[in-house]
Protein backbone atom coordinates (compact mmCIF):
# COMPACT_ATOMS: atom_id res chain seq x y z
CA UNK A 1 -16.07 -19.15 13.17
CA UNK A 2 -13.99 -20.99 10.51
CA UNK A 3 -17.06 -22.30 8.78
CA UNK A 4 -18.55 -18.81 8.27
CA UNK A 5 -15.20 -17.56 7.04
CA UNK A 6 -15.00 -20.41 4.48
CA UNK A 7 -18.56 -19.81 3.31
CA UNK A 8 -17.91 -16.11 2.92
CA UNK A 9 -14.79 -16.73 0.85
CA UNK A 10 -16.71 -19.11 -1.47
CA UNK A 11 -19.47 -16.57 -1.83
CA UNK A 12 -16.91 -13.90 -2.65
CA UNK A 13 -15.39 -16.06 -5.39
CA UNK A 14 -18.84 -16.55 -6.99
CA UNK A 15 -19.63 -12.85 -6.68
CA UNK A 16 -16.34 -12.10 -8.49
CA UNK A 17 -17.36 -14.30 -11.45
CA UNK A 18 -20.93 -12.81 -11.56
CA UNK A 19 -19.80 -9.16 -11.42
CA UNK A 20 -17.10 -9.88 -14.01
CA UNK A 21 -19.69 -11.17 -16.46
CA UNK A 22 -21.90 -8.13 -15.88
CA UNK A 23 -19.16 -5.50 -16.24
CA UNK A 24 -16.92 -6.80 -18.96
CA UNK A 25 -19.24 -5.36 -21.66
CA UNK A 26 -18.43 -1.94 -20.14
CA UNK A 27 -14.71 -2.59 -20.32
CA UNK A 28 -14.33 -3.26 -16.63
CA UNK A 29 -12.29 -6.33 -15.67
CA UNK A 30 -13.15 -7.84 -12.27
CA UNK A 31 -10.90 -10.35 -10.42
CA UNK A 32 -10.24 -11.06 -6.76
CA UNK A 33 -7.17 -12.09 -4.75
CA UNK A 34 -7.46 -14.58 -1.88
CA UNK A 35 -3.91 -15.21 -0.63
CA UNK A 36 -3.01 -18.16 1.51
CA UNK A 37 -0.58 -17.71 4.49
CA UNK A 38 0.39 -14.04 4.82
CA UNK A 39 2.07 -12.59 7.95
CA UNK A 40 -0.57 -10.10 9.06
CA UNK A 41 -1.81 -11.06 12.56
CA UNK A 42 -5.11 -12.08 10.93
CA UNK A 43 -5.73 -15.05 13.20
CA UNK A 44 -5.98 -12.79 16.23
CA UNK A 45 -8.03 -10.22 14.38
CA UNK A 46 -10.77 -12.72 13.52
CA UNK A 47 -11.12 -13.64 17.15
CA UNK A 48 -8.92 -16.72 17.43
CA UNK A 49 -7.57 -16.99 20.96
CA UNK A 50 -3.92 -15.96 21.28
CA UNK A 51 -2.96 -19.40 22.55
CA UNK A 52 -4.46 -21.07 19.53
CA UNK A 53 -3.05 -18.57 17.02
CA UNK A 54 0.39 -19.11 18.58
CA UNK A 55 -0.02 -22.89 18.04
CA UNK A 56 -0.99 -22.35 14.38
CA UNK A 57 1.94 -20.05 13.79
CA UNK A 58 4.27 -22.58 15.50
CA UNK A 59 2.86 -25.33 13.26
CA UNK A 60 3.71 -23.35 10.10
CA UNK A 61 7.23 -22.67 11.35
CA UNK A 62 7.79 -26.40 12.14
CA UNK A 63 6.44 -27.41 8.72
CA UNK A 64 8.15 -24.77 6.72
CA UNK A 65 9.49 -27.47 4.37
CA UNK A 66 5.86 -28.01 3.22
CA UNK A 67 5.55 -24.42 2.05
CA UNK A 68 7.04 -24.30 -1.49
CA UNK A 69 8.75 -20.89 -1.05
CA UNK A 70 9.78 -21.73 2.51
CA UNK A 71 8.00 -18.91 4.30
CA UNK A 72 4.72 -17.07 4.75
CA UNK A 73 4.03 -14.28 2.26
CA UNK A 74 4.05 -10.60 3.12
CA UNK A 75 1.45 -7.92 2.50
CA UNK A 76 3.87 -6.50 -0.05
CA UNK A 77 3.65 -9.83 -2.00
CA UNK A 78 -0.08 -9.44 -2.16
CA UNK A 79 0.14 -5.82 -3.18
CA UNK A 80 2.46 -6.67 -6.12
CA UNK A 81 -0.02 -9.31 -7.37
CA UNK A 82 -2.86 -6.77 -7.12
CA UNK A 83 -0.81 -4.20 -9.02
CA UNK A 84 -0.21 -6.76 -11.79
CA UNK A 85 -3.88 -7.66 -12.05
CA UNK A 86 -4.95 -4.03 -12.02
CA UNK A 87 -2.64 -3.18 -14.91
CA UNK A 88 -4.74 -3.93 -18.00
CA UNK A 89 -1.62 -3.95 -20.10
CA UNK A 90 -0.56 -7.19 -18.43
CA UNK A 91 -3.92 -8.72 -17.46
CA UNK A 92 -6.47 -7.79 -20.01
CA UNK A 93 -7.34 -11.43 -20.66
CA UNK A 94 -7.66 -12.30 -16.89
CA UNK A 95 -11.32 -11.89 -16.19
CA UNK A 96 -13.53 -13.20 -13.36
CA UNK A 97 -10.71 -15.06 -11.67
CA UNK A 98 -10.23 -15.64 -7.96
CA UNK A 99 -6.48 -15.85 -7.62
CA UNK A 100 -5.72 -17.82 -4.48
CA UNK A 101 -3.09 -19.70 -2.62
CA UNK A 102 -0.04 -18.56 -4.53
CA UNK A 103 3.65 -19.08 -3.72
CA UNK A 104 3.45 -20.21 -0.14
CA UNK A 105 0.49 -22.55 -0.20
CA UNK A 106 0.83 -25.66 1.88
CA UNK A 107 1.83 -28.48 -0.50
């Protein structure tokens, strides 16, 4: 399952760039956000067994010192980034970017 997920994310990044090139002439900026570790219950939602997702979550807690901000992000963190990118006043020169692994990425 993880291989398909990785391939889909890579395809989405390329789609972001292609659509950005097509739409910029119409004044439409296109970017995508692919956050790293966010507390959402995602591992269970994609079909990972509860036992395995618990092991992954335990690993992140035990290796918190490897996460630059010291914790997983929240959905609100992602929403604030999206609000920033959506506001053309602040992000008019950010085009075709896949913003990923911010703040809490594993170092």
